[in-house]
Amino acid sequence: MSATKRVNIKKGSAVSIVLKQDQRSGMLTDGIVKDILTNSANHPHGIKLRLESGAVGRVKVINN
């Protein structure tokens, strides 16, 4: 599944995101989706969301 399409991401899904400060290193943070912040149907860099931990970043991997 593509992490650039909003339709593939649901609240409660397990995902890996890259935080803004980790974009250069590419370090991923795992968590559960709390809120989807991107309004458009797709985004080339990944859908922006908030994890239940409060971390905000763009989805790189959907871990279903």
N, C-alpha and C. Protein backbone atom coordinates (compact mmCIF):
# COMPACT_ATOMS: atom_id res chain seq x y z
N MET A 1 0.83 -1.19 0.00
CA MET A 1 0.00 0.00 0.00
C MET A 1 0.88 1.25 0.00
N SER A 2 0.43 2.24 -0.73
CA SER A 2 1.18 3.48 -0.86
C SER A 2 0.93 4.40 0.34
N ALA A 3 2.01 4.90 0.91
CA ALA A 3 1.91 5.84 2.03
C ALA A 3 1.62 7.26 1.56
N THR A 4 1.54 7.46 0.23
CA THR A 4 1.27 8.79 -0.31
C THR A 4 -0.22 9.01 -0.58
N LYS A 5 -1.04 7.99 -0.39
CA LYS A 5 -2.49 8.10 -0.63
C LYS A 5 -3.24 8.06 0.69
N ARG A 6 -4.07 9.08 0.92
CA ARG A 6 -4.81 9.23 2.18
C ARG A 6 -5.77 8.07 2.42
N VAL A 7 -6.34 7.52 1.34
CA VAL A 7 -7.33 6.47 1.46
C VAL A 7 -6.75 5.19 2.10
N ASN A 8 -5.43 5.00 2.03
CA ASN A 8 -4.78 3.81 2.57
C ASN A 8 -4.53 3.89 4.08
N ILE A 9 -4.75 5.06 4.68
CA ILE A 9 -4.42 5.27 6.09
C ILE A 9 -5.70 5.51 6.89
N LYS A 10 -5.86 4.76 7.95
CA LYS A 10 -7.04 4.87 8.81
C LYS A 10 -6.60 5.13 10.25
N LYS A 11 -7.47 5.77 11.03
CA LYS A 11 -7.19 5.95 12.45
C LYS A 11 -7.06 4.57 13.09
N GLY A 12 -6.07 4.41 13.94
CA GLY A 12 -5.83 3.13 14.60
C GLY A 12 -4.86 2.24 13.85
N SER A 13 -4.43 2.63 12.65
CA SER A 13 -3.47 1.84 11.88
C SER A 13 -2.07 1.98 12.47
N ALA A 14 -1.28 0.92 12.36
CA ALA A 14 0.13 0.97 12.77
C ALA A 14 0.95 1.47 11.58
N VAL A 15 1.75 2.51 11.82
CA VAL A 15 2.54 3.11 10.75
C VAL A 15 3.95 3.46 11.25
N SER A 16 4.83 3.73 10.31
CA SER A 16 6.15 4.29 10.60
C SER A 16 6.21 5.65 9.93
N ILE A 17 6.56 6.68 10.70
CA ILE A 17 6.62 8.03 10.16
C ILE A 17 8.03 8.59 10.29
N VAL A 18 8.32 9.62 9.51
CA VAL A 18 9.56 10.37 9.68
C VAL A 18 9.18 11.73 10.26
N LEU A 19 9.79 12.07 11.39
CA LEU A 19 9.56 13.35 12.04
C LEU A 19 10.31 14.44 11.28
N LYS A 20 9.87 15.69 11.42
CA LYS A 20 10.51 16.82 10.72
C LYS A 20 12.01 16.87 11.01
N GLN A 21 12.39 16.72 12.27
CA GLN A 21 13.81 16.81 12.63
C GLN A 21 14.62 15.60 12.16
N ASP A 22 13.94 14.51 11.76
CA ASP A 22 14.62 13.30 11.30
C ASP A 22 14.61 13.14 9.78
N GLN A 23 14.14 14.16 9.05
CA GLN A 23 14.03 14.03 7.60
C GLN A 23 15.39 13.82 6.93
N ARG A 24 16.43 14.45 7.42
CA ARG A 24 17.76 14.28 6.82
C ARG A 24 18.31 12.87 7.06
N SER A 25 18.14 12.35 8.27
CA SER A 25 18.67 11.02 8.59
C SER A 25 17.75 9.91 8.11
N GLY A 26 16.45 10.21 7.97
CA GLY A 26 15.49 9.20 7.53
C GLY A 26 15.07 8.25 8.64
N MET A 27 15.41 8.58 9.91
CA MET A 27 15.03 7.71 11.03
C MET A 27 13.51 7.66 11.17
N LEU A 28 12.97 6.45 11.30
CA LEU A 28 11.53 6.26 11.39
C LEU A 28 11.08 6.10 12.83
N THR A 29 9.85 6.56 13.10
CA THR A 29 9.22 6.44 14.41
C THR A 29 7.94 5.63 14.22
N ASP A 30 7.78 4.56 14.99
CA ASP A 30 6.59 3.71 14.89
C ASP A 30 5.51 4.18 15.84
N GLY A 31 4.25 3.95 15.44
CA GLY A 31 3.14 4.32 16.31
C GLY A 31 1.80 4.02 15.70
N ILE A 32 0.75 4.43 16.40
CA ILE A 32 -0.63 4.22 15.99
C ILE A 32 -1.23 5.57 15.60
N VAL A 33 -1.94 5.61 14.46
CA VAL A 33 -2.52 6.86 13.94
C VAL A 33 -3.62 7.36 14.87
N LYS A 34 -3.50 8.64 15.27
CA LYS A 34 -4.54 9.30 16.05
C LYS A 34 -5.35 10.24 15.17
N ASP A 35 -4.66 11.13 14.44
CA ASP A 35 -5.32 12.11 13.56
C ASP A 35 -4.58 12.19 12.23
N ILE A 36 -5.34 12.32 11.14
CA ILE A 36 -4.75 12.55 9.82
C ILE A 36 -4.81 14.05 9.57
N LEU A 37 -3.65 14.66 9.32
CA LEU A 37 -3.56 16.11 9.19
C LEU A 37 -3.59 16.59 7.73
N THR A 38 -3.21 15.74 6.79
CA THR A 38 -3.25 16.12 5.38
C THR A 38 -4.68 16.03 4.87
N ASN A 39 -5.16 17.12 4.26
CA ASN A 39 -6.53 17.13 3.75
C ASN A 39 -6.65 16.61 2.32
N SER A 40 -5.58 16.73 1.53
CA SER A 40 -5.66 16.31 0.13
C SER A 40 -5.65 14.78 0.02
N ALA A 41 -6.09 14.28 -1.12
CA ALA A 41 -6.20 12.83 -1.34
C ALA A 41 -4.85 12.14 -1.39
N ASN A 42 -3.81 12.87 -1.82
CA ASN A 42 -2.47 12.29 -1.84
C ASN A 42 -1.43 13.39 -1.66
N HIS A 43 -0.23 12.98 -1.28
CA HIS A 43 0.88 13.93 -1.10
C HIS A 43 2.16 13.19 -1.47
N PRO A 44 3.01 13.78 -2.30
CA PRO A 44 4.20 13.08 -2.79
C PRO A 44 5.21 12.68 -1.71
N HIS A 45 5.22 13.39 -0.58
CA HIS A 45 6.19 13.08 0.49
C HIS A 45 5.59 12.23 1.59
N GLY A 46 4.34 11.83 1.45
CA GLY A 46 3.67 11.03 2.48
C GLY A 46 2.62 11.85 3.19
N ILE A 47 1.60 11.18 3.69
CA ILE A 47 0.49 11.84 4.38
C ILE A 47 0.95 12.26 5.78
N LYS A 48 0.69 13.50 6.15
CA LYS A 48 1.08 14.00 7.47
C LYS A 48 0.02 13.59 8.49
N LEU A 49 0.47 13.10 9.64
CA LEU A 49 -0.47 12.69 10.68
C LEU A 49 0.13 12.83 12.06
N ARG A 50 -0.74 12.65 13.06
CA ARG A 50 -0.34 12.68 14.47
C ARG A 50 -0.51 11.28 15.03
N LEU A 51 0.51 10.79 15.73
CA LEU A 51 0.42 9.49 16.38
C LEU A 51 -0.22 9.65 17.76
N GLU A 52 -0.63 8.55 18.36
CA GLU A 52 -1.21 8.59 19.71
C GLU A 52 -0.21 9.13 20.73
N SER A 53 1.08 9.01 20.44
CA SER A 53 2.13 9.53 21.33
C SER A 53 2.24 11.05 21.24
N GLY A 54 1.60 11.65 20.22
CA GLY A 54 1.66 13.09 20.02
C GLY A 54 2.66 13.50 18.95
N ALA A 55 3.46 12.56 18.47
CA ALA A 55 4.45 12.85 17.43
C ALA A 55 3.74 13.16 16.11
N VAL A 56 4.26 14.15 15.37
CA VAL A 56 3.70 14.54 14.08
C VAL A 56 4.76 14.33 13.01
N GLY A 57 4.37 13.69 11.91
CA GLY A 57 5.30 13.47 10.80
C GLY A 57 4.58 12.90 9.60
N ARG A 58 5.37 12.56 8.59
CA ARG A 58 4.81 12.01 7.35
C ARG A 58 5.01 10.49 7.28
N VAL A 59 3.97 9.80 6.84
CA VAL A 59 3.98 8.34 6.76
C VAL A 59 4.96 7.88 5.70
N LYS A 60 5.80 6.93 6.04
CA LYS A 60 6.71 6.30 5.10
C LYS A 60 6.36 4.83 4.88
N VAL A 61 5.85 4.16 5.94
CA VAL A 61 5.52 2.73 5.86
C VAL A 61 4.21 2.49 6.60
N ILE A 62 3.32 1.71 5.98
CA ILE A 62 2.09 1.29 6.66
C ILE A 62 2.32 -0.14 7.12
N ASN A 63 2.26 -0.37 8.44
CA ASN A 63 2.60 -1.67 9.05
C ASN A 63 1.33 -2.46 9.42
N ASN A 64 0.64 -2.99 8.43
CA ASN A 64 -0.58 -3.74 8.76
C ASN A 64 -0.31 -5.17 9.03
